[in-house]
Amino acid sequence: MSTEMSAPPVTRVSLLAPITGVLVPIEQVPDPVFAQKMVGEGISIDPLSNTLVAPCDGEVIHIHPAAHALTIRSAEGLEVLTHIGLDTVHMKGEGFTVKVKVGALVNAGDELITFDLDAVATNAKSLLTRAARRGCPIKSGPASPRQPPPGHHIFRPHGGAQRA
């Protein structure tokens, strides 16, 4: 009788940039919940566009009542929280248009939320938009001041291949 245990299978999920903008290290976000990674590893983008897109294929499992944040769960069980701006909850949905419903199946790059950049810039603490993972270990990619377009690979699971 063999006592060898096989390693669990490796699951890889590619995550795409949820918005066009300048990549900012998560540790520099002026909000300790995100900067200290209390909601999980993630990235922050200073947006140059007003459209949040799905970072992966999956199901929309939560939309915040203030329309500034939502969570997608991939088939692999990875939960990705996307969150527009800082202190945008106080805007009570003003300036945000959600394009999906809870339970919707989305593909990476699908439009999720559009928002009024000027309204967020005027009424929120910051425009910084975050994507944070929950549910599996992820290795962050480089945090360089570049401008990834929507769909540009920004972080990946350990050992995952970068998307072209």
Protein backbone atom coordinates (compact mmCIF):
# COMPACT_ATOMS: atom_id res chain seq x y z
CA MET A 1 0.00 0.00 0.00
CA SER A 2 1.47 3.34 -1.09
CA THR A 3 1.44 6.27 1.29
CA GLU A 4 2.36 8.82 -1.38
CA MET A 5 -0.03 11.71 -1.69
CA SER A 6 -0.43 13.47 -4.97
CA ALA A 7 -0.32 17.24 -5.08
CA PRO A 8 -3.63 19.00 -5.66
CA PRO A 9 -4.12 20.16 -9.26
CA VAL A 10 -2.94 23.68 -10.06
CA THR A 11 -5.71 26.03 -11.13
CA ARG A 12 -4.85 29.10 -13.15
CA VAL A 13 -7.05 32.14 -13.65
CA SER A 14 -5.91 35.12 -15.72
CA LEU A 15 -7.19 38.48 -14.53
CA LEU A 16 -7.43 41.44 -16.85
CA ALA A 17 -7.24 45.16 -16.08
CA PRO A 18 -10.77 46.22 -15.09
CA ILE A 19 -10.25 49.78 -16.36
CA THR A 20 -7.86 51.86 -18.45
CA GLY A 21 -5.50 53.92 -16.35
CA VAL A 22 -2.20 54.22 -14.52
CA LEU A 23 -1.28 51.25 -12.33
CA VAL A 24 -0.65 52.29 -8.70
CA PRO A 25 0.80 49.95 -6.04
CA ILE A 26 -2.03 48.85 -3.72
CA GLU A 27 0.10 49.85 -0.72
CA GLN A 28 -0.12 53.50 -1.88
CA VAL A 29 -3.92 53.64 -1.78
CA PRO A 30 -5.00 56.16 0.89
CA ASP A 31 -7.35 53.62 2.49
CA PRO A 32 -5.95 51.16 5.06
CA VAL A 33 -8.50 48.46 4.19
CA PHE A 34 -7.00 48.15 0.70
CA ALA A 35 -3.43 49.34 1.38
CA GLN A 36 -2.99 46.77 4.16
CA LYS A 37 -4.65 44.10 1.96
CA MET A 38 -7.43 43.39 4.47
CA VAL A 39 -9.74 42.42 1.59
CA GLY A 40 -6.99 40.49 -0.19
CA GLU A 41 -4.13 40.99 -2.61
CA GLY A 42 -4.92 43.39 -5.40
CA ILE A 43 -4.06 46.30 -7.63
CA SER A 44 -5.13 49.91 -7.92
CA ILE A 45 -5.57 51.95 -11.08
CA ASP A 46 -5.93 55.71 -11.44
CA PRO A 47 -8.60 55.65 -14.17
CA LEU A 48 -8.39 57.37 -17.53
CA SER A 49 -11.75 56.01 -18.66
CA ASN A 50 -15.21 55.73 -17.14
CA THR A 51 -15.96 52.07 -17.88
CA LEU A 52 -15.29 49.21 -15.48
CA VAL A 53 -15.01 45.84 -17.26
CA ALA A 54 -14.98 42.25 -16.01
CA PRO A 55 -11.45 41.15 -15.03
CA CYS A 56 -12.34 37.48 -15.67
CA ASP A 57 -15.09 35.16 -16.82
CA GLY A 58 -17.54 34.40 -14.04
CA GLU A 59 -20.80 35.13 -12.26
CA VAL A 60 -21.70 38.47 -10.72
CA ILE A 61 -22.37 37.48 -7.10
CA HIS A 62 -22.74 40.89 -5.44
CA ILE A 63 -23.46 44.47 -6.47
CA HIS A 64 -23.15 47.13 -3.79
CA PRO A 65 -26.38 49.14 -3.36
CA ALA A 66 -24.39 52.34 -4.01
CA ALA A 67 -23.44 50.93 -7.46
CA HIS A 68 -19.71 51.63 -7.01
CA ALA A 69 -18.52 48.05 -6.39
CA LEU A 70 -19.26 44.49 -7.40
CA THR A 71 -17.84 40.99 -7.01
CA ILE A 72 -17.41 38.29 -9.65
CA ARG A 73 -16.78 34.60 -8.87
CA SER A 74 -14.88 32.61 -11.49
CA ALA A 75 -15.65 28.95 -12.21
CA GLU A 76 -12.48 28.12 -10.24
CA GLY A 77 -13.87 29.81 -7.11
CA LEU A 78 -11.79 32.99 -7.29
CA GLU A 79 -13.77 36.02 -6.08
CA VAL A 80 -12.68 39.38 -7.47
CA LEU A 81 -13.98 42.57 -5.86
CA THR A 82 -13.88 45.63 -8.13
CA HIS A 83 -14.33 48.98 -6.41
CA ILE A 84 -14.51 52.43 -8.03
CA GLY A 85 -13.01 55.35 -6.10
CA LEU A 86 -12.54 55.95 -2.36
CA ASP A 87 -15.50 56.88 -0.18
CA THR A 88 -17.80 56.61 -3.21
CA VAL A 89 -20.36 54.79 -1.05
CA HIS A 90 -21.40 58.27 0.14
CA MET A 91 -22.46 59.13 -3.41
CA LYS A 92 -25.38 56.69 -2.97
CA GLY A 93 -25.25 55.55 -6.59
CA GLU A 94 -25.29 59.04 -8.11
CA GLY A 95 -23.10 59.06 -11.22
CA PHE A 96 -22.90 55.23 -11.52
CA THR A 97 -24.74 53.03 -14.03
CA VAL A 98 -24.59 49.28 -13.42
CA LYS A 99 -24.83 47.31 -16.68
CA VAL A 100 -25.30 43.81 -15.14
CA LYS A 101 -27.44 42.09 -12.50
CA VAL A 102 -26.56 39.67 -9.71
CA GLY A 103 -26.46 36.20 -11.22
CA ALA A 104 -25.32 37.42 -14.64
CA LEU A 105 -22.63 35.36 -16.34
CA VAL A 106 -19.95 37.66 -17.76
CA ASN A 107 -16.86 37.24 -19.90
CA ALA A 108 -13.55 38.99 -19.29
CA GLY A 109 -13.80 42.46 -20.82
CA ASP A 110 -17.61 42.76 -20.58
CA GLU A 111 -18.84 46.18 -19.46
CA LEU A 112 -19.96 46.14 -15.79
CA ILE A 113 -20.34 49.74 -14.60
CA THR A 114 -20.01 53.14 -16.25
CA PHE A 115 -19.53 56.22 -14.13
CA ASP A 116 -19.20 59.99 -14.31
CA LEU A 117 -15.48 60.70 -13.84
CA ASP A 118 -16.12 64.34 -12.95
CA ALA A 119 -18.74 63.46 -10.32
CA VAL A 120 -16.43 60.90 -8.67
CA ALA A 121 -13.46 63.31 -8.81
CA THR A 122 -15.58 66.03 -7.19
CA ASN A 123 -17.45 63.98 -4.58
CA ALA A 124 -15.10 61.15 -3.59
CA LYS A 125 -11.81 61.08 -1.71
CA SER A 126 -10.06 59.60 -4.77
CA LEU A 127 -10.73 58.16 -8.23
CA LEU A 128 -8.42 55.19 -7.54
CA THR A 129 -10.20 52.03 -8.64
CA ARG A 130 -9.25 48.69 -7.13
CA ALA A 131 -9.49 45.01 -7.92
CA ALA A 132 -8.85 42.65 -5.03
CA ARG A 133 -9.01 38.88 -4.97
CA ARG A 134 -10.54 36.55 -2.44
CA GLY A 135 -10.57 32.77 -2.54
CA CYS A 136 -7.13 31.67 -3.79
CA PRO A 137 -3.48 32.75 -3.63
CA ILE A 138 -2.43 35.22 -6.31
CA LYS A 139 0.95 36.60 -7.16
CA SER A 140 0.84 40.28 -8.06
CA GLY A 141 2.48 41.45 -11.22
CA PRO A 142 4.80 44.44 -11.42
CA ALA A 143 3.50 47.68 -9.95
CA SER A 144 4.93 50.09 -12.47
CA PRO A 145 3.48 53.46 -13.48
CA ARG A 146 2.16 52.33 -16.87
CA GLN A 147 -1.20 52.63 -18.53
CA PRO A 148 -2.79 49.22 -19.12
CA PRO A 149 -5.78 49.20 -21.48
CA PRO A 150 -8.84 47.17 -20.45
CA GLY A 151 -8.01 43.52 -20.96
CA HIS A 152 -4.27 43.96 -20.36
CA HIS A 153 -2.89 41.26 -18.03
CA ILE A 154 -2.02 42.74 -14.63
CA PHE A 155 -1.69 39.90 -12.14
CA ARG A 156 -1.84 36.14 -12.18
CA PRO A 157 -2.00 33.04 -9.97
CA HIS A 158 1.31 31.56 -8.82
CA GLY A 159 3.03 29.90 -11.74
CA GLY A 160 0.50 31.16 -14.28
CA ALA A 161 1.56 32.15 -17.74
CA GLN A 162 1.14 35.77 -18.72
CA ARG A 163 -1.53 36.48 -21.30
CA ALA A 164 -0.39 38.01 -24.55
